[in-house]
């Protein structure tokens, strides 16, 4: 297969993908918390708040790690053979 250049490494792609998912989850938790409040379910409200806080911490860590990759440079523009970014070696 022809070799192609992609602007980011697999790890950078993975970081972006997980960060994106975590940020979507944070938005969803807002609705879940509101639903629990409407039904006066304090246990679920507390659980969703705790889970949201944990995901927020994970998102912050992902963001910091990604920023570190970007600031170091040289992590992108790696040569790949016939794979899409983030898909190298994956079924």
C-alpha atoms as a PDB file:
ATOM      1  CA  UNK A   1       0.000   0.000   0.000  1.00  0.00           C
ATOM      2  CA  UNK A   2       1.069   3.573  -0.549  1.00  0.00           C
ATOM      3  CA  UNK A   3       2.568   5.426   2.349  1.00  0.00           C
ATOM      4  CA  UNK A   4       0.674   8.446   3.646  1.00  0.00           C
ATOM      5  CA  UNK A   5       1.523  11.172   6.146  1.00  0.00           C
ATOM      6  CA  UNK A   6      -0.912  11.978   8.905  1.00  0.00           C
ATOM      7  CA  UNK A   7      -0.611  15.125  11.019  1.00  0.00           C
ATOM      8  CA  UNK A   8      -0.884  13.310  14.370  1.00  0.00           C
ATOM      9  CA  UNK A   9       0.354  10.104  15.949  1.00  0.00           C
ATOM     10  CA  UNK A  10      -1.882   7.265  17.105  1.00  0.00           C
ATOM     11  CA  UNK A  11      -1.424   8.338  20.721  1.00  0.00           C
ATOM     12  CA  UNK A  12      -2.418  11.929  19.924  1.00  0.00           C
ATOM     13  CA  UNK A  13      -5.480  10.631  18.082  1.00  0.00           C
ATOM     14  CA  UNK A  14      -6.339   8.414  21.062  1.00  0.00           C
ATOM     15  CA  UNK A  15      -5.992  11.344  23.474  1.00  0.00           C
ATOM     16  CA  UNK A  16      -8.239  13.512  21.305  1.00  0.00           C
ATOM     17  CA  UNK A  17     -10.823  10.737  20.968  1.00  0.00           C
ATOM     18  CA  UNK A  18     -11.007  10.021  24.685  1.00  0.00           C
ATOM     19  CA  UNK A  19     -11.070  13.743  25.532  1.00  0.00           C
ATOM     20  CA  UNK A  20     -13.929  14.263  23.088  1.00  0.00           C
ATOM     21  CA  UNK A  21     -15.876  11.397  24.638  1.00  0.00           C
ATOM     22  CA  UNK A  22     -15.276  12.675  28.184  1.00  0.00           C
ATOM     23  CA  UNK A  23     -16.461  16.175  27.225  1.00  0.00           C
ATOM     24  CA  UNK A  24     -19.632  14.751  25.684  1.00  0.00           C
ATOM     25  CA  UNK A  25     -20.161  12.763  28.870  1.00  0.00           C
ATOM     26  CA  UNK A  26     -19.834  15.895  30.992  1.00  0.00           C
ATOM     27  CA  UNK A  27     -22.647  17.492  29.018  1.00  0.00           C
ATOM     28  CA  UNK A  28     -24.799  14.377  29.431  1.00  0.00           C
ATOM     29  CA  UNK A  29     -24.262  14.332  33.206  1.00  0.00           C
ATOM     30  CA  UNK A  30     -25.855  17.790  33.423  1.00  0.00           C
ATOM     31  CA  UNK A  31     -29.091  16.342  32.053  1.00  0.00           C
ATOM     32  CA  UNK A  32     -28.898  13.259  34.268  1.00  0.00           C
ATOM     33  CA  UNK A  33     -28.403  15.428  37.345  1.00  0.00           C
ATOM     34  CA  UNK A  34     -31.370  17.586  36.369  1.00  0.00           C
ATOM     35  CA  UNK A  35     -33.507  14.483  35.828  1.00  0.00           C
ATOM     36  CA  UNK A  36     -32.561  13.187  39.295  1.00  0.00           C
ATOM     37  CA  UNK A  37     -33.425  16.583  40.819  1.00  0.00           C
ATOM     38  CA  UNK A  38     -36.828  16.630  39.091  1.00  0.00           C
ATOM     39  CA  UNK A  39     -37.593  13.221  40.571  1.00  0.00           C
ATOM     40  CA  UNK A  40     -36.147  14.234  43.935  1.00  0.00           C
ATOM     41  CA  UNK A  41     -33.691  11.319  43.788  1.00  0.00           C
ATOM     42  CA  UNK A  42     -30.822  12.549  45.950  1.00  0.00           C
ATOM     43  CA  UNK A  43     -28.897   9.284  45.688  1.00  0.00           C
ATOM     44  CA  UNK A  44     -28.734   9.410  41.888  1.00  0.00           C
ATOM     45  CA  UNK A  45     -28.066  13.148  41.905  1.00  0.00           C
ATOM     46  CA  UNK A  46     -25.091  12.621  44.202  1.00  0.00           C
ATOM     47  CA  UNK A  47     -23.810   9.661  42.181  1.00  0.00           C
ATOM     48  CA  UNK A  48     -24.005  11.581  38.886  1.00  0.00           C
ATOM     49  CA  UNK A  49     -22.282  14.586  40.487  1.00  0.00           C
ATOM     50  CA  UNK A  50     -19.458  12.352  41.732  1.00  0.00           C
ATOM     51  CA  UNK A  51     -19.105  10.669  38.353  1.00  0.00           C
ATOM     52  CA  UNK A  52     -19.131  14.021  36.586  1.00  0.00           C
ATOM     53  CA  UNK A  53     -16.364  15.298  38.869  1.00  0.00           C
ATOM     54  CA  UNK A  54     -14.249  12.214  38.166  1.00  0.00           C
ATOM     55  CA  UNK A  55     -14.752  12.594  34.417  1.00  0.00           C
ATOM     56  CA  UNK A  56     -13.908  16.297  34.687  1.00  0.00           C
ATOM     57  CA  UNK A  57     -10.613  15.357  36.359  1.00  0.00           C
ATOM     58  CA  UNK A  58      -9.935  12.794  33.633  1.00  0.00           C
ATOM     59  CA  UNK A  59     -10.704  15.380  30.936  1.00  0.00           C
ATOM     60  CA  UNK A  60      -8.336  17.862  32.574  1.00  0.00           C
ATOM     61  CA  UNK A  61      -5.576  15.242  32.706  1.00  0.00           C
ATOM     62  CA  UNK A  62      -6.158  14.300  29.058  1.00  0.00           C
ATOM     63  CA  UNK A  63      -6.040  17.973  28.081  1.00  0.00           C
ATOM     64  CA  UNK A  64      -2.778  18.513  29.974  1.00  0.00           C
ATOM     65  CA  UNK A  65      -1.209  15.428  28.415  1.00  0.00           C
ATOM     66  CA  UNK A  66      -2.303  16.475  24.935  1.00  0.00           C
ATOM     67  CA  UNK A  67      -0.965  19.999  25.512  1.00  0.00           C
ATOM     68  CA  UNK A  68       2.359  18.472  26.554  1.00  0.00           C
ATOM     69  CA  UNK A  69       2.544  16.480  23.297  1.00  0.00           C
ATOM     70  CA  UNK A  70       1.766  19.588  21.269  1.00  0.00           C
ATOM     71  CA  UNK A  71       4.259  21.789  23.114  1.00  0.00           C
ATOM     72  CA  UNK A  72       7.060  19.272  22.559  1.00  0.00           C
ATOM     73  CA  UNK A  73       6.328  19.146  18.840  1.00  0.00           C
ATOM     74  CA  UNK A  74       7.751  16.347  16.751  1.00  0.00           C
ATOM     75  CA  UNK A  75       4.948  14.016  17.800  1.00  0.00           C
ATOM     76  CA  UNK A  76       2.961  14.660  14.631  1.00  0.00           C
ATOM     77  CA  UNK A  77       3.581  14.050  10.937  1.00  0.00           C
ATOM     78  CA  UNK A  78       4.594  10.436  11.412  1.00  0.00           C
ATOM     79  CA  UNK A  79       4.703   8.255   8.349  1.00  0.00           C
ATOM     80  CA  UNK A  80       2.168   5.445   8.169  1.00  0.00           C
ATOM     81  CA  UNK A  81       1.478   2.701   5.684  1.00  0.00           C
ATOM     82  CA  UNK A  82      -2.117   2.398   4.565  1.00  0.00           C
ATOM     83  CA  UNK A  83      -3.795   3.140   7.875  1.00  0.00           C
ATOM     84  CA  UNK A  84      -6.041   5.900   9.068  1.00  0.00           C
ATOM     85  CA  UNK A  85      -4.948   8.038  12.007  1.00  0.00           C
ATOM     86  CA  UNK A  86      -5.655   6.269  15.233  1.00  0.00           C
ATOM     87  CA  UNK A  87      -6.333   2.978  13.495  1.00  0.00           C
ATOM     88  CA  UNK A  88      -2.854   1.574  13.031  1.00  0.00           C
ATOM     89  CA  UNK A  89      -2.719  -2.022  14.215  1.00  0.00           C
ATOM     90  CA  UNK A  90      -6.386  -2.121  15.192  1.00  0.00           C
ATOM     91  CA  UNK A  91      -9.078  -4.421  13.921  1.00  0.00           C
END
